[in-house]
Amino acid sequence: MKMNLSSFAELTELYYNQGKKNRGLRMIFKERKMSDELQMLQALDRRMALSPKDHKNYQHLLKGFRGEAQFDQLLANLSCAHIQIHDLLLEHNGTVFQIDSLLIMKEKIIVYEVKNYQGEFFFEQERFFKVPRQEIMNPLHQIGRTAPILTQLLRKHGFNIPIQFHVVFVNPEFTLFYAEQNTPIILPTQIKSHLQILDENNSRLNETHNRLAKKLVELHLNESPYQKQPEFEYGEMKKGVVCGCCGLMEVEVKGRKVYCKHCNWVEHLDTVIVKLIMEYKLLFPNKKVTVSAIDEWCGSLISLKSISRILGQYFTRKGSFRWTYYE
């Protein structure tokens, strides 16, 4: 079966959503994946020197993603009946808001704002500071804005279930001073006990919970209006094959395998070619995908025959002869 790029991605997501981590009464309806902006910055960082502004944004997004992924791993250990939905982007009455992680349980919804902050922080008169006195956005204000909008959105679609909001700090090197006890904050040392309390819930879910999860995923926005577009030119970038582990271009192709000479990472050639094509499409959506274009993009490290085979297998051929391209 031939698949274009979008259906290939949709099939992958469908695979995850319908069973990879479905363990009895626990189900993940939406996995977390890197945003297009982060994927783009990561690809650019490996192929060119980012501007100081783009590099700072890349490091910020990457650190946040790693913290969220770390929390996902902790949630994977929950044994109680629940549904997980990660990385939701929703809109209600003209307001776009993001939810890092959401749990649907029998009697309530739990929303987590995940922070991967490192260092010493403190509250003062509802303001949030990093020691010694660098003010940053108060995460409690973030969930304060999200709470009423999400409640209104769910009621609009016929769901009236209590919602709990928490800011969870996942970095073990995070310290917080002067926080009141009744604030919805989960510190790194409290995550384990918080999840243990959730696991004490033995109630089963029903079709209403399933419909709620499907509706939230259906409402998810695929593109963020806040996504920033870094500036770059095709000619500025190194051409070659990037190692899927260490990110260096020190690989060699032997048969159907790609080997990294730096970290000894091994990956199947077909997987590497698909990644190269998807990366090219992400960075240059207005350029046509051709055998010669991907050949140049990979630094002619992969045979034209292999590139043509993968394009023909996973993408739809358009045009003919020298004007052939793939979508």
Protein backbone atom coordinates (compact mmCIF):
# COMPACT_ATOMS: atom_id res chain seq x y z
CA MET A 1 0.00 0.00 0.00
CA LYS A 2 1.41 3.39 -1.00
CA MET A 3 1.19 6.16 1.60
CA ASN A 4 1.93 9.84 1.28
CA LEU A 5 3.82 11.59 4.07
CA SER A 6 0.81 12.70 6.05
CA SER A 7 -0.85 9.29 6.02
CA PHE A 8 2.42 7.65 7.04
CA ALA A 9 2.52 9.92 10.10
CA GLU A 10 -1.17 9.31 10.78
CA LEU A 11 -0.67 5.55 10.60
CA THR A 12 2.21 5.78 13.08
CA GLU A 13 0.12 7.82 15.51
CA LEU A 14 -2.82 5.45 15.08
CA TYR A 15 -0.56 2.53 15.96
CA TYR A 16 0.50 4.21 19.20
CA ASN A 17 -2.99 5.39 20.12
CA GLN A 18 -4.71 2.04 19.59
CA GLY A 19 -2.51 -0.29 21.45
CA LYS A 20 1.20 0.23 22.00
CA LYS A 21 0.65 1.11 25.65
CA ASN A 22 -2.86 -0.09 26.16
CA ARG A 23 -2.53 -2.24 29.25
CA GLY A 24 -5.94 -3.42 30.29
CA LEU A 25 -7.71 -0.42 31.77
CA ARG A 26 -4.90 2.02 30.97
CA MET A 27 -4.83 3.65 27.58
CA ILE A 28 -2.94 6.43 25.87
CA PHE A 29 -5.16 8.22 23.36
CA LYS A 30 -2.52 10.69 22.24
CA GLU A 31 1.24 10.23 22.54
CA ARG A 32 3.62 13.11 22.93
CA LYS A 33 5.81 13.97 20.00
CA MET A 34 8.15 16.81 19.17
CA SER A 35 6.49 19.91 17.79
CA ASP A 36 7.30 20.87 14.21
CA GLU A 37 9.18 23.88 15.55
CA LEU A 38 11.40 21.73 17.77
CA GLN A 39 11.97 19.15 15.02
CA MET A 40 12.93 21.95 12.65
CA LEU A 41 15.36 23.55 15.09
CA GLN A 42 16.91 20.18 15.90
CA ALA A 43 17.44 19.43 12.21
CA LEU A 44 18.93 22.87 11.61
CA ASP A 45 21.20 22.63 14.66
CA ARG A 46 22.76 19.49 13.23
CA ARG A 47 23.32 20.99 9.80
CA MET A 48 24.25 24.64 10.43
CA ALA A 49 25.10 27.21 13.10
CA LEU A 50 21.89 28.55 14.61
CA SER A 51 21.60 32.23 15.41
CA PRO A 52 21.92 33.01 19.16
CA LYS A 53 18.16 33.67 19.31
CA ASP A 54 17.24 30.39 17.57
CA HIS A 55 19.78 28.45 19.64
CA LYS A 56 18.30 29.80 22.87
CA ASN A 57 14.79 28.93 21.70
CA TYR A 58 15.95 25.44 20.68
CA GLN A 59 17.51 24.77 24.08
CA HIS A 60 14.38 26.05 25.84
CA LEU A 61 12.02 23.87 23.78
CA LEU A 62 14.27 20.82 24.05
CA LYS A 63 14.57 21.09 27.83
CA GLY A 64 10.81 21.44 28.14
CA PHE A 65 10.19 18.44 25.90
CA ARG A 66 12.64 16.30 27.88
CA GLY A 67 10.91 17.22 31.11
CA GLU A 68 7.51 16.34 29.69
CA ALA A 69 8.84 13.02 28.34
CA GLN A 70 10.31 12.28 31.77
CA PHE A 71 6.89 12.82 33.37
CA ASP A 72 5.30 10.59 30.71
CA GLN A 73 7.59 7.77 31.80
CA LEU A 74 6.44 8.20 35.40
CA LEU A 75 2.78 8.17 34.36
CA ALA A 76 3.44 4.94 32.44
CA ASN A 77 3.79 3.18 35.80
CA LEU A 78 0.22 3.97 36.86
CA SER A 79 -1.87 0.83 37.23
CA CYS A 80 -5.25 2.41 38.02
CA ALA A 81 -7.93 2.75 35.35
CA HIS A 82 -7.33 5.95 33.40
CA ILE A 83 -6.83 7.48 29.97
CA GLN A 84 -3.78 9.59 29.16
CA ILE A 85 -3.71 12.41 26.61
CA HIS A 86 -0.48 14.30 26.06
CA ASP A 87 0.41 17.58 24.40
CA LEU A 88 -3.05 18.95 23.61
CA LEU A 89 -3.49 22.25 21.80
CA LEU A 90 -7.07 23.50 22.10
CA GLU A 91 -9.08 26.58 21.22
CA HIS A 92 -12.20 28.05 22.78
CA ASN A 93 -13.80 31.42 22.05
CA GLY A 94 -10.72 32.63 20.22
CA THR A 95 -8.27 31.61 22.95
CA VAL A 96 -5.66 28.96 22.17
CA PHE A 97 -4.24 27.05 25.14
CA GLN A 98 -1.94 24.08 25.63
CA ILE A 99 -2.15 21.15 28.04
CA ASP A 100 1.02 19.19 28.72
CA SER A 101 -0.62 16.06 30.16
CA LEU A 102 -4.19 15.14 30.98
CA LEU A 103 -5.56 12.11 32.84
CA ILE A 104 -9.18 11.03 32.59
CA MET A 105 -10.23 9.08 35.66
CA LYS A 106 -13.57 7.79 36.94
CA GLU A 107 -14.60 10.86 38.93
CA LYS A 108 -12.31 13.62 37.63
CA ILE A 109 -9.89 14.96 35.07
CA ILE A 110 -6.36 15.82 36.17
CA VAL A 111 -4.39 18.37 34.16
CA TYR A 112 -0.62 18.72 34.59
CA GLU A 113 1.52 21.70 33.64
CA VAL A 114 5.01 20.18 33.51
CA LYS A 115 8.07 22.28 34.30
CA ASN A 116 11.69 21.21 33.93
CA TYR A 117 13.15 24.12 35.89
CA GLN A 118 16.56 23.71 37.49
CA GLY A 119 17.95 25.74 40.39
CA GLU A 120 16.47 27.68 43.31
CA PHE A 121 13.17 29.56 43.04
CA PHE A 122 10.79 31.38 45.36
CA PHE A 123 7.35 33.00 45.50
CA GLU A 124 6.78 36.53 46.67
CA GLN A 125 3.37 38.23 46.59
CA GLU A 126 2.10 35.93 43.82
CA ARG A 127 5.22 36.55 41.75
CA PHE A 128 7.70 33.82 40.83
CA PHE A 129 11.46 34.37 40.92
CA LYS A 130 14.65 32.48 40.27
CA VAL A 131 17.33 33.13 42.87
CA PRO A 132 18.71 35.73 43.33
CA ARG A 133 15.79 37.73 41.86
CA GLN A 134 15.04 36.96 38.22
CA GLU A 135 11.29 37.16 37.72
CA ILE A 136 9.75 34.63 35.36
CA MET A 137 6.19 33.76 34.43
CA ASN A 138 4.26 32.37 37.38
CA PRO A 139 3.18 28.82 36.40
CA LEU A 140 0.21 29.08 38.77
CA HIS A 141 -1.11 31.95 36.66
CA GLN A 142 -0.82 29.70 33.59
CA ILE A 143 -3.11 27.05 35.04
CA GLY A 144 -5.33 29.80 36.44
CA ARG A 145 -5.99 30.97 32.88
CA THR A 146 -6.41 27.45 31.50
CA ALA A 147 -8.86 26.18 34.14
CA PRO A 148 -11.98 28.22 33.26
CA ILE A 149 -11.43 27.92 29.49
CA LEU A 150 -11.12 24.13 29.61
CA THR A 151 -14.15 23.88 31.87
CA GLN A 152 -16.22 25.96 29.44
CA LEU A 153 -14.99 23.94 26.47
CA LEU A 154 -15.97 20.61 28.04
CA ARG A 155 -19.39 21.87 29.10
CA LYS A 156 -19.98 23.10 25.56
CA HIS A 157 -19.56 19.51 24.38
CA GLY A 158 -21.73 18.04 27.13
CA PHE A 159 -19.11 16.94 29.67
CA ASN A 160 -19.48 18.11 33.27
CA ILE A 161 -16.71 16.44 35.23
CA PRO A 162 -14.53 18.05 37.94
CA ILE A 163 -11.05 19.13 36.85
CA GLN A 164 -7.93 19.28 39.02
CA PHE A 165 -4.92 21.29 37.94
CA HIS A 166 -1.34 20.77 39.08
CA VAL A 167 2.02 22.29 38.26
CA VAL A 168 4.55 19.47 38.49
CA PHE A 169 8.27 20.17 38.71
CA VAL A 170 10.15 17.12 37.43
CA ASN A 171 13.80 18.15 37.71
CA PRO A 172 15.40 16.67 40.87
CA GLU A 173 17.71 19.72 41.00
CA PHE A 174 14.75 22.09 41.49
CA THR A 175 14.24 23.83 44.84
CA LEU A 176 11.27 26.04 45.77
CA PHE A 177 11.11 28.38 48.76
CA TYR A 178 8.12 30.07 50.40
CA ALA A 179 5.40 28.11 48.63
CA GLU A 180 2.11 27.87 50.51
CA GLN A 181 0.93 24.37 51.34
CA ASN A 182 -2.45 24.69 49.63
CA THR A 183 -1.01 25.60 46.22
CA PRO A 184 -1.52 23.00 43.43
CA ILE A 185 2.21 22.34 43.14
CA ILE A 186 3.88 18.92 42.97
CA LEU A 187 7.58 19.03 43.81
CA PRO A 188 10.05 16.39 42.53
CA THR A 189 10.03 14.65 45.92
CA GLN A 190 6.21 14.51 45.92
CA ILE A 191 5.62 12.95 42.49
CA LYS A 192 5.94 9.36 43.69
CA SER A 193 3.46 9.78 46.54
CA HIS A 194 1.04 11.66 44.26
CA LEU A 195 1.00 8.79 41.78
CA GLN A 196 0.63 6.24 44.59
CA ILE A 197 -2.51 8.05 45.76
CA LEU A 198 -3.91 7.91 42.22
CA ASP A 199 -3.21 4.17 42.08
CA GLU A 200 -5.48 3.63 45.07
CA ASN A 201 -8.43 4.39 42.78
CA ASN A 202 -9.88 1.06 41.58
CA SER A 203 -12.93 2.46 39.74
CA ARG A 204 -13.49 1.38 36.16
CA LEU A 205 -14.04 3.72 33.25
CA ASN A 206 -17.07 3.69 30.96
CA GLU A 207 -18.06 4.80 27.47
CA THR A 208 -18.50 8.42 28.61
CA HIS A 209 -14.82 8.62 29.47
CA ASN A 210 -13.97 7.10 26.12
CA ARG A 211 -16.13 9.66 24.27
CA LEU A 212 -14.51 12.47 26.25
CA ALA A 213 -11.02 11.32 25.28
CA LYS A 214 -12.00 11.01 21.62
CA LYS A 215 -13.54 14.49 21.63
CA LEU A 216 -10.42 16.09 23.14
CA VAL A 217 -8.17 14.44 20.56
CA GLU A 218 -10.61 15.46 17.82
CA LEU A 219 -10.42 19.10 19.01
CA HIS A 220 -6.61 19.12 19.06
CA LEU A 221 -5.06 21.74 16.76
CA ASN A 222 -2.27 20.36 14.58
CA GLU A 223 -0.61 23.73 14.07
CA SER A 224 0.18 26.26 16.77
CA PRO A 225 -0.36 29.96 15.97
CA TYR A 226 2.59 30.70 18.26
CA GLN A 227 5.12 28.60 16.35
CA LYS A 228 8.19 30.58 15.34
CA GLN A 229 9.83 30.13 11.95
CA PRO A 230 13.63 30.25 12.04
CA GLU A 231 15.40 31.84 9.09
CA PHE A 232 17.70 29.64 7.01
CA GLU A 233 18.85 28.99 3.48
CA TYR A 234 19.32 25.64 1.77
CA GLY A 235 22.86 26.50 0.76
CA GLU A 236 23.91 27.16 4.36
CA MET A 237 23.31 23.60 5.47
CA LYS A 238 25.61 20.59 5.55
CA LYS A 239 24.41 17.76 3.35
CA GLY A 240 24.69 14.24 4.68
CA VAL A 241 23.15 11.58 6.93
CA VAL A 242 22.74 12.43 10.59
CA CYS A 243 23.13 9.72 13.24
CA GLY A 244 19.80 9.06 14.94
CA CYS A 245 21.53 8.83 18.31
CA CYS A 246 24.41 11.31 18.67
CA GLY A 247 23.36 13.67 15.86
CA LEU A 248 26.75 13.68 14.13
CA MET A 249 27.36 13.09 10.43
CA GLU A 250 29.87 10.30 10.94
CA VAL A 251 27.95 7.40 9.45
CA GLU A 252 28.54 4.81 6.76
CA VAL A 253 26.18 2.58 4.83
CA LYS A 254 26.77 -1.17 4.68
CA GLY A 255 24.06 -3.11 2.87
CA ARG A 256 20.72 -2.39 4.51
CA LYS A 257 22.25 -0.90 7.68
CA VAL A 258 23.60 2.53 8.60
CA TYR A 259 26.43 2.57 11.16
CA CYS A 260 27.65 5.53 13.21
CA LYS A 261 31.41 5.56 13.56
CA HIS A 262 31.22 7.88 16.56
CA CYS A 263 28.71 6.20 18.90
CA ASN A 264 28.19 2.79 17.21
CA TRP A 265 24.47 3.43 16.63
CA VAL A 266 22.95 1.08 14.05
CA GLU A 267 19.76 1.81 12.12
CA HIS A 268 17.97 0.17 9.22
CA LEU A 269 18.59 1.93 5.91
CA ASP A 270 14.88 2.20 5.05
CA THR A 271 14.18 4.00 8.34
CA VAL A 272 17.03 6.42 7.71
CA ILE A 273 15.79 7.25 4.22
CA VAL A 274 12.24 7.90 5.43
CA LYS A 275 13.62 10.20 8.14
CA LEU A 276 15.68 12.08 5.57
CA ILE A 277 12.66 12.59 3.34
CA MET A 278 10.45 13.74 6.23
CA GLU A 279 13.17 16.13 7.41
CA TYR A 280 13.50 17.56 3.90
CA LYS A 281 9.71 17.98 3.64
CA LEU A 282 9.57 19.68 7.03
CA LEU A 283 12.32 22.17 6.25
CA PHE A 284 11.39 22.80 2.62
CA PRO A 285 7.63 22.29 2.21
CA ASN A 286 7.64 24.21 -1.08
CA LYS A 287 10.37 22.14 -2.73
CA LYS A 288 9.49 19.05 -4.74
CA VAL A 289 10.72 15.73 -3.39
CA THR A 290 12.69 13.98 -6.12
CA VAL A 291 15.29 11.23 -6.16
CA SER A 292 18.00 13.73 -7.06
CA ALA A 293 16.90 16.15 -4.32
CA ILE A 294 17.15 13.48 -1.61
CA ASP A 295 20.41 12.25 -3.09
CA GLU A 296 21.87 15.74 -2.70
CA TRP A 297 20.34 16.13 0.78
CA CYS A 298 22.05 12.96 2.04
CA GLY A 299 25.37 13.90 0.46
CA SER A 300 25.10 11.05 -2.08
CA LEU A 301 25.81 8.61 0.75
CA ILE A 302 22.81 6.42 -0.15
CA SER A 303 22.32 4.81 -3.55
CA LEU A 304 19.81 6.29 -5.98
CA LYS A 305 18.24 2.85 -6.24
CA SER A 306 17.49 2.73 -2.48
CA ILE A 307 16.10 6.27 -2.45
CA SER A 308 13.88 5.52 -5.45
CA ARG A 309 12.64 2.31 -3.84
CA ILE A 310 11.59 4.03 -0.60
CA LEU A 311 9.95 6.95 -2.42
CA GLY A 312 7.99 4.49 -4.56
CA GLN A 313 6.99 2.42 -1.51
CA TYR A 314 5.81 5.13 0.87
CA PHE A 315 4.97 8.14 -1.32
CA THR A 316 2.77 8.89 -4.30
CA ARG A 317 4.51 9.38 -7.61
CA LYS A 318 3.61 12.43 -9.66
CA GLY A 319 4.72 13.41 -13.16
CA SER A 320 6.92 11.27 -15.37
CA PHE A 321 10.46 10.86 -16.64
CA ARG A 322 12.70 13.82 -15.68
CA TRP A 323 9.74 15.67 -14.09
CA THR A 324 8.93 12.86 -11.63
CA TYR A 325 8.43 13.89 -8.00
CA TYR A 326 6.73 12.40 -4.93
CA GLU A 327 4.13 13.57 -2.41
